[in-house]
Amino acid sequence: MRRIIIKGGEQVNSGKAFAGLTFEQAVRRYADTVTGVCVMRLQNYADAEDCFQNTFAKLWTKAPKLESEEHLKAWLIRVAIHECADYMRKNRRTAILSAPCGESVPFDFERSDMSWALCKTPAKYRDVLYLYYCEQYKVKEIAVILQKNENTVKSLLKRGRELLKSIYGGDASD
């Protein structure tokens, strides 16, 4: 289990509630989802851990008022994506010493056997494909989470599928 350390060494008090869950329950329930989003986005487990921690630190410090667990999950995914984008922007001038997806990642990818192929797709397709196939979101929900038009999400899914077919070695016209 990951330990969440809030800046300043603040002790985590599970008295706060997030869509009916305590902080600890929210971390346990959505840890795999947030980790998956971060790993797919950054393609580096160490960097993904940083963004994972920042995502849950924001949940703790911002304490958003959310109506349901689905809203909490969508909020966490959106924050994780933004955290990863911020991380990449801040570290874009840093030399990458390891090949993307080349390292052994101790993460359970059993939810999808296409995780290795997702690592080979550009980020704009990877996010949509991951949310659709691994997290089982519908197009409309993905549009809300990524703050994109539904038709844009459909186009990204279509092009992403074509890329996956070419990576798998299939014919894109199937």
Protein backbone atom coordinates (compact mmCIF):
# COMPACT_ATOMS: atom_id res chain seq x y z
CA MET A 1 0.00 0.00 0.00
CA ARG A 2 1.28 3.46 -0.86
CA ARG A 3 1.77 6.00 1.92
CA ILE A 4 0.42 9.45 1.25
CA ILE A 5 2.57 12.11 2.86
CA ILE A 6 1.09 15.60 2.90
CA LYS A 7 3.57 18.51 2.76
CA GLY A 8 4.70 19.58 6.19
CA GLY A 9 4.32 16.03 7.53
CA GLU A 10 0.62 16.56 8.33
CA GLN A 11 -0.95 13.46 9.84
CA VAL A 12 -3.76 12.14 7.63
CA ASN A 13 -7.03 12.27 9.55
CA SER A 14 -9.68 10.15 7.90
CA GLY A 15 -12.41 12.45 9.27
CA LYS A 16 -12.86 14.17 5.89
CA ALA A 17 -15.42 12.63 3.56
CA PHE A 18 -15.27 12.54 -0.22
CA ALA A 19 -18.50 11.42 -1.91
CA GLY A 20 -19.29 9.37 1.18
CA LEU A 21 -15.81 7.81 1.43
CA THR A 22 -13.07 8.59 3.91
CA PHE A 23 -9.75 9.70 2.47
CA GLU A 24 -8.23 6.29 3.13
CA GLN A 25 -11.14 4.51 1.41
CA ALA A 26 -10.85 6.83 -1.60
CA VAL A 27 -7.12 6.11 -1.90
CA ARG A 28 -7.65 2.35 -1.63
CA ARG A 29 -10.55 2.31 -4.09
CA TYR A 30 -8.99 4.53 -6.79
CA ALA A 31 -5.25 3.90 -6.38
CA ASP A 32 -5.10 1.49 -9.34
CA THR A 33 -7.08 3.84 -11.58
CA VAL A 34 -4.91 6.88 -10.81
CA THR A 35 -1.72 4.80 -11.10
CA GLY A 36 -2.86 3.44 -14.46
CA VAL A 37 -3.61 6.91 -15.81
CA CYS A 38 -0.24 8.23 -14.62
CA VAL A 39 1.78 5.26 -15.91
CA MET A 40 0.08 5.37 -19.31
CA ARG A 41 0.62 9.11 -19.54
CA LEU A 42 4.22 9.33 -18.32
CA GLN A 43 5.48 5.86 -19.28
CA ASN A 44 7.76 5.89 -16.25
CA TYR A 45 6.72 4.38 -12.93
CA ALA A 46 8.86 6.66 -10.72
CA ASP A 47 7.41 9.81 -12.31
CA ALA A 48 3.93 8.29 -12.16
CA GLU A 49 4.32 7.78 -8.39
CA ASP A 50 5.04 11.51 -7.98
CA CYS A 51 1.90 12.44 -9.91
CA PHE A 52 -0.10 9.80 -8.03
CA GLN A 53 0.91 11.38 -4.73
CA ASN A 54 0.21 14.92 -5.97
CA THR A 55 -3.26 13.84 -7.16
CA PHE A 56 -4.26 12.47 -3.77
CA ALA A 57 -2.59 15.38 -1.98
CA LYS A 58 -4.89 17.68 -3.98
CA LEU A 59 -7.87 15.58 -2.97
CA TRP A 60 -6.87 16.01 0.67
CA THR A 61 -6.09 19.74 0.51
CA LYS A 62 -8.89 20.86 -1.85
CA ALA A 63 -11.56 18.56 -0.37
CA PRO A 64 -13.95 19.03 -3.32
CA LYS A 65 -17.68 18.61 -2.74
CA LEU A 66 -18.60 15.71 -5.00
CA GLU A 67 -22.04 14.15 -5.41
CA SER A 68 -21.11 10.52 -5.98
CA GLU A 69 -18.25 8.06 -6.26
CA GLU A 70 -18.41 8.34 -10.06
CA HIS A 71 -17.83 12.09 -9.76
CA LEU A 72 -14.92 11.42 -7.39
CA LYS A 73 -13.38 8.94 -9.83
CA ALA A 74 -13.78 11.36 -12.76
CA TRP A 75 -12.30 14.20 -10.65
CA LEU A 76 -9.28 12.06 -9.72
CA ILE A 77 -8.68 11.04 -13.34
CA ARG A 78 -8.91 14.65 -14.53
CA VAL A 79 -6.54 15.84 -11.78
CA ALA A 80 -4.11 12.98 -12.53
CA ILE A 81 -4.04 13.91 -16.23
CA HIS A 82 -3.38 17.57 -15.35
CA GLU A 83 -0.68 16.57 -12.85
CA CYS A 84 1.04 14.48 -15.53
CA ALA A 85 0.83 17.33 -18.04
CA ASP A 86 2.30 19.75 -15.48
CA TYR A 87 5.04 17.26 -14.66
CA MET A 88 5.94 16.80 -18.35
CA ARG A 89 5.91 20.56 -18.92
CA LYS A 90 8.20 21.21 -15.94
CA ASN A 91 10.59 18.41 -16.89
CA ARG A 92 10.63 18.69 -20.66
CA ARG A 93 14.22 19.94 -20.68
CA THR A 94 15.39 17.02 -18.54
CA ALA A 95 17.29 14.28 -20.35
CA ILE A 96 15.50 10.94 -20.34
CA LEU A 97 17.96 8.20 -19.44
CA SER A 98 15.63 5.23 -19.84
CA ALA A 99 13.58 4.26 -22.87
CA PRO A 100 9.80 4.84 -22.53
CA CYS A 101 8.01 1.69 -21.42
CA GLY A 102 11.38 -0.08 -21.51
CA GLU A 103 11.66 -0.48 -17.77
CA SER A 104 10.03 -3.16 -15.71
CA VAL A 105 6.97 -1.63 -14.09
CA PRO A 106 5.58 -3.31 -10.96
CA PHE A 107 1.99 -2.46 -11.89
CA ASP A 108 -0.93 -4.80 -12.50
CA PHE A 109 -1.91 -4.40 -16.15
CA GLU A 110 -4.15 -7.48 -16.15
CA ARG A 111 -7.17 -5.30 -16.89
CA SER A 112 -5.93 -5.05 -20.44
CA ASP A 113 -3.50 -7.07 -22.53
CA MET A 114 -2.99 -4.06 -24.78
CA SER A 115 -1.05 -1.97 -22.25
CA TRP A 116 2.21 -2.48 -24.15
CA ALA A 117 0.54 -1.24 -27.35
CA LEU A 118 -0.95 1.77 -25.55
CA CYS A 119 2.59 2.76 -24.54
CA LYS A 120 3.46 3.03 -28.22
CA THR A 121 0.61 5.40 -29.10
CA PRO A 122 0.80 9.21 -28.83
CA ALA A 123 -0.57 10.64 -25.56
CA LYS A 124 -3.65 12.23 -27.16
CA TYR A 125 -4.85 8.77 -28.26
CA ARG A 126 -3.50 6.94 -25.21
CA ASP A 127 -5.70 8.85 -22.76
CA VAL A 128 -8.90 8.20 -24.70
CA LEU A 129 -8.07 4.55 -25.40
CA TYR A 130 -7.09 3.89 -21.79
CA LEU A 131 -10.28 5.44 -20.41
CA TYR A 132 -12.45 3.62 -22.95
CA TYR A 133 -10.92 0.13 -22.87
CA CYS A 134 -9.26 -0.15 -19.44
CA GLU A 135 -11.57 2.00 -17.29
CA GLN A 136 -14.73 1.13 -19.31
CA TYR A 137 -15.94 4.73 -19.67
CA LYS A 138 -18.45 5.67 -22.36
CA VAL A 139 -17.62 8.32 -24.99
CA LYS A 140 -19.82 10.92 -23.29
CA GLU A 141 -18.09 10.35 -19.93
CA ILE A 142 -14.63 10.56 -21.50
CA ALA A 143 -15.61 13.85 -23.12
CA VAL A 144 -16.56 15.26 -19.71
CA ILE A 145 -13.40 13.96 -18.00
CA LEU A 146 -11.03 15.23 -20.72
CA GLN A 147 -13.10 18.37 -21.31
CA LYS A 148 -13.37 17.66 -25.03
CA ASN A 149 -16.24 17.54 -27.49
CA GLU A 150 -17.89 14.09 -27.88
CA ASN A 151 -17.14 14.06 -31.61
CA THR A 152 -13.49 14.81 -30.87
CA VAL A 153 -13.38 11.83 -28.51
CA LYS A 154 -14.99 9.62 -31.18
CA SER A 155 -12.41 10.76 -33.75
CA LEU A 156 -9.55 10.13 -31.32
CA LEU A 157 -10.94 6.67 -30.57
CA LYS A 158 -11.24 5.84 -34.27
CA ARG A 159 -7.70 7.01 -35.06
CA GLY A 160 -6.38 5.38 -31.92
CA ARG A 161 -7.95 2.05 -32.89
CA GLU A 162 -6.32 2.32 -36.30
CA LEU A 163 -2.96 2.93 -34.63
CA LEU A 164 -3.49 -0.06 -32.33
CA LYS A 165 -4.33 -2.27 -35.30
CA SER A 166 -1.11 -1.23 -37.03
CA ILE A 167 0.87 -1.86 -33.83
CA TYR A 168 -0.72 -5.29 -33.39
CA GLY A 169 0.03 -5.98 -37.04
CA GLY A 170 -3.60 -6.09 -38.18
CA ASP A 171 -5.07 -4.43 -41.23
CA ALA A 172 -6.58 -1.02 -40.34
CA SER A 173 -9.34 -1.54 -42.91
CA ASP A 174 -10.88 -4.52 -40.99
